[in-house]
Amino acid sequence: MKKRSLKFASLLMALLMSVCFVCGCGDQTAEEATDNADTAAAEAEEPTTAIADDGVTLSNDSSDFVLITDVVPDAIFEIRYYSTYNFVGDRIDGYEEPLAFLTEEAAEALKEVSDDVKDQGYRLKIYDAYRPQEAVTNFVEWAKDEDDTEMKEYFYPDLEKDVLFPQGYIAEHSGHSRGSTVDLTLFDMETEKEVDMGGTFDYFGEESHPDYKGITDEQYENRMILRKAMMDHGFNPLPEEWWHFTLADEPYPDTYFTFPVNSEALN
């Protein structure tokens, strides 16, 4: 977005200078033309909010977002949608770097969770946090292509893709795009391994429900350790996914953000 703005500003500056030279454009100097171009670039980078065709509010304003590593330095990261190990089988649109953002409010609450589980011998491992709207659109387009089943055996072996929409696994918009939702697990500092949750992240099926009883007592207890820590510090769980939590008092409950995940997005 910023590169396009700079390119637009450069073209505008060249045009203004050309007009001044060819047409004798009043008393405007090259310096004034440059100032005008800089102003146009600044305006092009101003945060914008728009209403999508389906009535959803979209925004590219990243001013209230932070890099999770800046707030929760003890966390471990495996950003699955930057990799090819996910239910699509390819890097997802909008994930331009393996980074994780949250709203400042959600990140501060997550820091409290991190401190809590650290006292119990764990660290947080983050799979996903803020998700750009274009990534969600990527999921929707993938779900509509019923011939693309490359990762079926790993993430949805018991389902056909035509049920992903009606059963709620894929939707046009995601709470992740509101900036206060995080997907995560626990990392055992003694064993130096992920805690066994009795199921993998992003598995489409009943096994992913936090209260699923077809796992061992230890696996179930591990899920409850994570769930309790998150809820104790202001996050609400999702009934269908043991790894998914949203800040109860999220600051943007009705806004879905569009800026990409890269190191320039928060500058």
Protein backbone atom coordinates (compact mmCIF):
# COMPACT_ATOMS: atom_id res chain seq x y z
CA MET A 1 0.00 0.00 0.00
CA LYS A 2 2.81 2.41 0.92
CA LYS A 3 4.79 1.54 -2.21
CA ARG A 4 1.76 2.32 -4.33
CA SER A 5 1.32 5.63 -2.48
CA LEU A 6 4.95 6.61 -3.06
CA LYS A 7 4.70 5.68 -6.73
CA PHE A 8 1.55 7.73 -7.02
CA ALA A 9 3.27 10.70 -5.34
CA SER A 10 6.27 10.46 -7.66
CA LEU A 11 4.04 10.40 -10.74
CA LEU A 12 2.04 13.33 -9.40
CA MET A 13 5.19 15.35 -8.74
CA ALA A 14 6.48 14.67 -12.24
CA LEU A 15 3.14 15.72 -13.72
CA LEU A 16 3.02 18.94 -11.74
CA MET A 17 6.56 19.86 -12.71
CA SER A 18 5.82 19.10 -16.35
CA VAL A 19 2.74 21.31 -16.31
CA CYS A 20 4.71 24.13 -14.71
CA PHE A 21 7.42 23.87 -17.37
CA VAL A 22 5.22 23.49 -20.42
CA CYS A 23 2.37 25.80 -19.50
CA GLY A 24 4.18 28.38 -17.40
CA CYS A 25 1.90 27.45 -14.53
CA GLY A 26 1.71 30.80 -12.72
CA ASP A 27 4.43 31.33 -10.15
CA GLN A 28 4.55 27.71 -8.89
CA THR A 29 8.12 26.54 -8.39
CA ALA A 30 9.58 23.05 -8.41
CA GLU A 31 9.73 23.24 -4.62
CA GLU A 32 6.01 24.01 -4.45
CA ALA A 33 5.30 21.15 -6.83
CA THR A 34 7.28 18.84 -4.55
CA ASP A 35 5.29 20.06 -1.53
CA ASN A 36 2.06 19.37 -3.35
CA ALA A 37 3.23 15.87 -4.22
CA ASP A 38 4.22 15.21 -0.60
CA THR A 39 0.78 16.36 0.51
CA ALA A 40 -0.87 14.03 -2.00
CA ALA A 41 1.25 11.12 -0.74
CA ALA A 42 0.31 11.86 2.87
CA GLU A 43 -3.36 11.99 1.97
CA ALA A 44 -3.05 8.71 0.06
CA GLU A 45 -1.66 7.06 3.23
CA GLU A 46 -4.40 8.38 5.52
CA PRO A 47 -6.36 5.58 7.21
CA THR A 48 -9.59 4.85 5.42
CA THR A 49 -12.82 3.16 6.42
CA ALA A 50 -15.37 1.82 3.96
CA ILE A 51 -18.57 -0.18 3.98
CA ALA A 52 -18.36 -3.36 1.91
CA ASP A 53 -21.17 -4.55 -0.34
CA ASP A 54 -22.34 -6.92 2.39
CA GLY A 55 -22.54 -4.10 4.93
CA VAL A 56 -19.36 -4.94 6.85
CA THR A 57 -17.08 -2.09 7.93
CA LEU A 58 -13.56 -2.41 6.53
CA SER A 59 -10.57 -0.35 7.68
CA ASN A 60 -6.85 -0.14 6.88
CA ASP A 61 -6.05 1.77 10.09
CA SER A 62 -3.32 -0.13 11.96
CA SER A 63 -2.68 2.58 14.57
CA ASP A 64 -4.04 0.56 17.51
CA PHE A 65 -2.15 -2.62 16.61
CA VAL A 66 1.13 -3.88 18.02
CA LEU A 67 3.63 -6.60 17.21
CA ILE A 68 3.02 -9.38 19.74
CA THR A 69 6.77 -9.95 20.21
CA ASP A 70 7.07 -6.38 21.52
CA VAL A 71 4.53 -7.07 24.28
CA VAL A 72 4.93 -10.82 24.91
CA PRO A 73 8.65 -11.51 24.36
CA ASP A 74 8.41 -15.00 25.89
CA ALA A 75 6.00 -16.26 23.22
CA ILE A 76 7.03 -18.75 20.53
CA PHE A 77 5.72 -18.30 17.00
CA GLU A 78 4.79 -20.69 14.21
CA ILE A 79 2.77 -18.58 11.81
CA ARG A 80 1.09 -21.34 9.83
CA TYR A 81 -0.49 -19.14 7.18
CA TYR A 82 2.91 -17.79 6.17
CA SER A 83 3.99 -21.39 5.54
CA THR A 84 2.57 -24.12 3.32
CA TYR A 85 1.63 -26.33 6.28
CA ASN A 86 -2.00 -25.32 6.62
CA PHE A 87 -5.35 -26.59 5.33
CA VAL A 88 -4.89 -24.74 2.02
CA GLY A 89 -1.37 -26.06 1.42
CA ASP A 90 0.09 -22.72 0.35
CA ARG A 91 1.08 -19.36 1.80
CA ILE A 92 -2.05 -17.33 2.40
CA ASP A 93 -2.67 -13.92 0.81
CA GLY A 94 -1.81 -11.03 3.12
CA TYR A 95 0.81 -12.92 5.13
CA GLU A 96 3.89 -11.25 3.69
CA GLU A 97 6.14 -11.92 6.69
CA PRO A 98 5.96 -14.46 9.57
CA LEU A 99 4.72 -11.91 12.10
CA ALA A 100 1.77 -11.69 14.49
CA PHE A 101 -0.21 -8.55 15.33
CA LEU A 102 -2.97 -7.84 17.85
CA THR A 103 -4.75 -4.76 19.06
CA GLU A 104 -2.90 -3.21 21.95
CA GLU A 105 -5.66 -4.20 24.35
CA ALA A 106 -5.56 -7.86 23.31
CA ALA A 107 -1.77 -7.97 23.41
CA GLU A 108 -1.67 -6.58 26.95
CA ALA A 109 -4.18 -9.21 28.08
CA LEU A 110 -2.13 -11.90 26.37
CA LYS A 111 0.94 -10.72 28.30
CA GLU A 112 -0.98 -11.47 31.50
CA VAL A 113 -1.76 -14.96 30.18
CA SER A 114 1.90 -15.49 29.33
CA ASP A 115 3.01 -14.51 32.83
CA ASP A 116 0.38 -16.83 34.30
CA VAL A 117 1.34 -19.95 32.32
CA LYS A 118 5.03 -19.21 32.71
CA ASP A 119 4.59 -19.64 36.47
CA GLN A 120 3.12 -23.07 35.65
CA GLY A 121 6.09 -24.08 33.51
CA TYR A 122 4.74 -23.18 30.07
CA ARG A 123 5.22 -20.66 27.31
CA LEU A 124 2.65 -19.58 24.76
CA LYS A 125 3.03 -20.72 21.17
CA ILE A 126 1.19 -18.56 18.63
CA TYR A 127 -0.18 -19.96 15.36
CA ASP A 128 -2.16 -16.94 14.21
CA ALA A 129 -3.47 -13.61 15.46
CA TYR A 130 -4.64 -10.67 13.32
CA ARG A 131 -5.73 -11.97 9.92
CA PRO A 132 -6.15 -9.56 6.98
CA GLN A 133 -9.47 -9.63 5.18
CA GLU A 134 -7.70 -10.68 1.97
CA ALA A 135 -6.54 -13.84 3.75
CA VAL A 136 -10.13 -14.68 4.66
CA THR A 137 -11.11 -14.09 1.04
CA ASN A 138 -8.32 -16.48 0.05
CA PHE A 139 -9.90 -19.13 2.31
CA VAL A 140 -13.31 -18.55 0.75
CA GLU A 141 -11.97 -18.93 -2.78
CA TRP A 142 -10.12 -22.11 -1.76
CA ALA A 143 -13.24 -23.58 -0.17
CA LYS A 144 -15.25 -23.00 -3.34
CA ASP A 145 -12.74 -25.02 -5.38
CA GLU A 146 -13.92 -28.52 -4.51
CA ASP A 147 -11.19 -30.09 -6.66
CA ASP A 148 -8.41 -28.69 -4.46
CA THR A 149 -8.07 -31.28 -1.70
CA GLU A 150 -4.28 -31.38 -1.35
CA MET A 151 -4.33 -31.13 2.47
CA LYS A 152 -7.53 -33.11 3.11
CA GLU A 153 -5.84 -36.07 4.81
CA TYR A 154 -4.17 -33.78 7.34
CA PHE A 155 -6.87 -31.26 8.22
CA TYR A 156 -10.32 -32.51 7.15
CA PRO A 157 -10.14 -36.25 6.37
CA ASP A 158 -13.75 -36.91 7.40
CA LEU A 159 -15.33 -33.95 5.61
CA GLU A 160 -16.05 -32.95 2.05
CA LYS A 161 -15.39 -29.35 1.10
CA ASP A 162 -19.03 -28.67 0.28
CA VAL A 163 -19.87 -28.73 4.02
CA LEU A 164 -17.21 -26.21 5.08
CA PHE A 165 -19.53 -23.21 4.63
CA PRO A 166 -22.74 -24.64 6.10
CA GLN A 167 -20.90 -26.10 9.11
CA GLY A 168 -19.11 -22.80 9.78
CA TYR A 169 -15.52 -23.82 9.16
CA ILE A 170 -15.13 -21.16 6.47
CA ALA A 171 -16.96 -17.81 6.36
CA GLU A 172 -16.83 -14.53 4.45
CA HIS A 173 -15.44 -12.74 7.51
CA SER A 174 -13.40 -13.82 10.52
CA GLY A 175 -13.12 -12.52 14.05
CA HIS A 176 -9.36 -12.63 13.53
CA SER A 177 -9.72 -9.67 11.15
CA ARG A 178 -11.04 -7.55 14.03
CA GLY A 179 -7.60 -7.82 15.61
CA SER A 180 -8.32 -9.26 19.06
CA THR A 181 -8.43 -13.00 18.36
CA VAL A 182 -5.49 -15.38 18.73
CA ASP A 183 -4.86 -19.05 17.94
CA LEU A 184 -2.36 -20.64 20.28
CA THR A 185 -1.20 -23.58 22.36
CA LEU A 186 1.15 -24.28 25.26
CA PHE A 187 4.85 -25.13 25.10
CA ASP A 188 6.27 -27.17 27.99
CA MET A 189 9.53 -25.58 29.14
CA GLU A 190 10.69 -28.80 30.84
CA THR A 191 10.18 -31.18 27.92
CA GLU A 192 10.85 -28.41 25.35
CA LYS A 193 7.90 -29.64 23.30
CA GLU A 194 4.39 -28.53 22.51
CA VAL A 195 1.88 -29.75 25.05
CA ASP A 196 -0.22 -32.68 23.78
CA MET A 197 -3.70 -31.31 23.19
CA GLY A 198 -5.08 -34.46 21.60
CA GLY A 199 -5.48 -32.81 18.22
CA THR A 200 -3.75 -30.53 15.76
CA PHE A 201 -4.36 -26.83 15.15
CA ASP A 202 -6.90 -26.12 12.39
CA TYR A 203 -8.29 -29.64 12.27
CA PHE A 204 -11.85 -29.53 10.95
CA GLY A 205 -13.85 -31.90 13.09
CA GLU A 206 -15.42 -32.71 16.44
CA GLU A 207 -12.00 -33.65 17.83
CA SER A 208 -11.16 -29.94 17.92
CA HIS A 209 -14.01 -29.05 20.27
CA PRO A 210 -12.48 -28.10 23.65
CA ASP A 211 -14.81 -30.44 25.53
CA TYR A 212 -14.28 -33.43 23.22
CA LYS A 213 -14.10 -36.56 25.36
CA GLY A 214 -12.46 -38.92 22.88
CA ILE A 215 -8.98 -38.02 24.13
CA THR A 216 -6.96 -38.99 27.18
CA ASP A 217 -7.50 -37.37 30.56
CA GLU A 218 -4.08 -35.71 30.29
CA GLN A 219 -4.85 -34.26 26.87
CA TYR A 220 -8.17 -32.94 28.12
CA GLU A 221 -6.53 -31.42 31.19
CA ASN A 222 -3.96 -29.70 28.97
CA ARG A 223 -6.77 -28.07 27.01
CA MET A 224 -8.34 -26.91 30.25
CA ILE A 225 -5.07 -25.39 31.49
CA LEU A 226 -4.91 -23.22 28.38
CA ARG A 227 -8.63 -22.44 28.49
CA LYS A 228 -8.56 -21.39 32.15
CA ALA A 229 -5.53 -19.13 31.71
CA MET A 230 -7.09 -17.39 28.73
CA MET A 231 -10.47 -16.93 30.39
CA ASP A 232 -8.91 -15.73 33.65
CA HIS A 233 -7.38 -12.84 31.72
CA GLY A 234 -10.32 -11.71 29.67
CA PHE A 235 -10.55 -13.99 26.64
CA ASN A 236 -13.60 -15.95 25.50
CA PRO A 237 -13.16 -19.45 24.04
CA LEU A 238 -14.75 -20.81 20.87
CA PRO A 239 -16.86 -23.97 21.33
CA GLU A 240 -15.49 -25.55 18.14
CA GLU A 241 -11.73 -24.91 18.49
CA TRP A 242 -9.58 -25.53 21.56
CA TRP A 243 -6.90 -23.11 20.27
CA HIS A 244 -9.13 -20.09 19.46
CA PHE A 245 -9.76 -17.18 21.87
CA THR A 246 -11.14 -13.66 21.47
CA LEU A 247 -10.76 -10.77 23.91
CA ALA A 248 -14.16 -10.40 25.55
CA ASP A 249 -13.96 -6.61 25.55
CA GLU A 250 -12.50 -6.32 22.06
CA PRO A 251 -12.07 -2.69 20.96
CA TYR A 252 -13.32 -3.19 17.37
CA PRO A 253 -16.26 -5.60 17.55
CA ASP A 254 -17.74 -4.37 14.27
CA THR A 255 -14.66 -3.50 12.18
CA TYR A 256 -12.63 -5.82 9.96
CA PHE A 257 -9.13 -4.71 9.02
CA THR A 258 -7.41 -5.00 5.67
CA PHE A 259 -3.73 -4.05 6.07
CA PRO A 260 -1.25 -6.86 5.31
CA VAL A 261 1.00 -8.66 7.78
CA ASN A 262 4.44 -7.21 7.14
CA SER A 263 7.04 -5.19 9.02
CA GLU A 264 5.91 -1.89 7.48
CA ALA A 265 2.24 -2.26 8.30
CA LEU A 266 2.52 -0.78 11.79
CA ASN A 267 4.93 2.06 10.93
